[in-house]
Amino acid sequence: MGSGDWGPVLIAVLFFVVLTPGLLCQIPGNDRRIAEFHSMRTSYLAIFVHTIIFFGFCAIFMVAVGVHLSSG
């Protein structure tokens, strides 16, 4: 069995947890705010914005930076 590259998996999981709308921050916030912190609420627009940010960060860290973590 060969060793796998766990870097992209760990980066994706980390960004998924950190960029969950309402967990740490929510962009755009409810009530016409730019950002809310630890609101534990979300909206469709916040989900869309966080999805775009998630894919942007994943692309930067996986392709441009080239994060690799080998097991084995």
Protein backbone atom coordinates (compact mmCIF):
# COMPACT_ATOMS: atom_id res chain seq x y z
CA MET A 1 0.00 0.00 0.00
CA GLY A 2 1.31 3.41 -0.94
CA SER A 3 1.35 6.46 1.24
CA GLY A 4 -1.40 8.96 0.64
CA ASP A 5 -1.26 12.72 0.46
CA TRP A 6 -3.39 13.97 3.37
CA GLY A 7 -2.59 17.67 2.94
CA PRO A 8 -5.59 18.57 0.73
CA VAL A 9 -7.97 16.56 2.93
CA LEU A 10 -6.84 18.25 6.14
CA ILE A 11 -6.88 21.71 4.57
CA ALA A 12 -10.43 21.18 3.25
CA VAL A 13 -11.69 19.92 6.64
CA LEU A 14 -10.01 22.81 8.47
CA PHE A 15 -11.50 25.43 6.15
CA PHE A 16 -14.92 23.73 6.25
CA VAL A 17 -15.03 23.99 10.04
CA VAL A 18 -13.57 27.50 10.25
CA LEU A 19 -15.71 28.92 7.43
CA THR A 20 -19.04 27.49 8.61
CA PRO A 21 -21.39 30.51 8.56
CA GLY A 22 -22.33 31.60 12.07
CA LEU A 23 -19.76 29.48 13.91
CA LEU A 24 -16.91 32.01 14.17
CA CYS A 25 -18.14 34.76 11.88
CA GLN A 26 -20.83 35.38 9.31
CA ILE A 27 -20.29 37.55 6.23
CA PRO A 28 -22.66 39.30 5.46
CA GLY A 29 -24.31 39.45 8.84
CA ASN A 30 -27.99 39.67 9.60
CA ASP A 31 -29.63 43.03 10.30
CA ARG A 32 -27.62 44.87 7.60
CA ARG A 33 -24.25 44.37 9.28
CA ILE A 34 -21.08 43.63 7.33
CA ALA A 35 -20.02 40.85 9.71
CA GLU A 36 -21.33 39.14 12.82
CA PHE A 37 -19.25 37.09 15.19
CA HIS A 38 -20.48 33.86 16.83
CA SER A 39 -24.12 34.49 15.97
CA MET A 40 -25.00 30.79 15.35
CA ARG A 41 -27.45 31.99 12.68
CA THR A 42 -27.09 32.02 8.92
CA SER A 43 -28.75 33.11 5.70
CA TYR A 44 -28.67 31.97 2.08
CA LEU A 45 -26.44 34.90 1.12
CA ALA A 46 -23.97 34.06 3.92
CA ILE A 47 -23.85 30.43 2.79
CA PHE A 48 -23.08 31.56 -0.77
CA VAL A 49 -20.35 34.01 0.34
CA HIS A 50 -18.71 31.45 2.63
CA THR A 51 -18.81 28.85 -0.18
CA ILE A 52 -16.95 31.21 -2.54
CA ILE A 53 -14.38 32.00 0.17
CA PHE A 54 -14.00 28.26 0.95
CA PHE A 55 -13.25 27.31 -2.65
CA GLY A 56 -10.91 30.28 -3.05
CA PHE A 57 -8.86 29.38 0.01
CA CYS A 58 -8.80 25.68 -0.94
CA ALA A 59 -7.56 26.54 -4.42
CA ILE A 60 -4.86 28.83 -3.06
CA PHE A 61 -3.56 26.39 -0.46
CA MET A 62 -3.83 23.22 -2.54
CA VAL A 63 -2.64 24.48 -5.91
CA ALA A 64 -0.58 27.62 -5.42
CA VAL A 65 1.05 26.87 -2.07
CA GLY A 66 1.10 23.10 -2.61
CA VAL A 67 0.46 21.84 0.91
CA HIS A 68 1.43 18.16 1.17
CA LEU A 69 1.32 15.84 4.17
CA SER A 70 2.33 12.25 3.47
CA SER A 71 1.50 9.29 5.64
CA GLY A 72 3.61 6.21 5.88
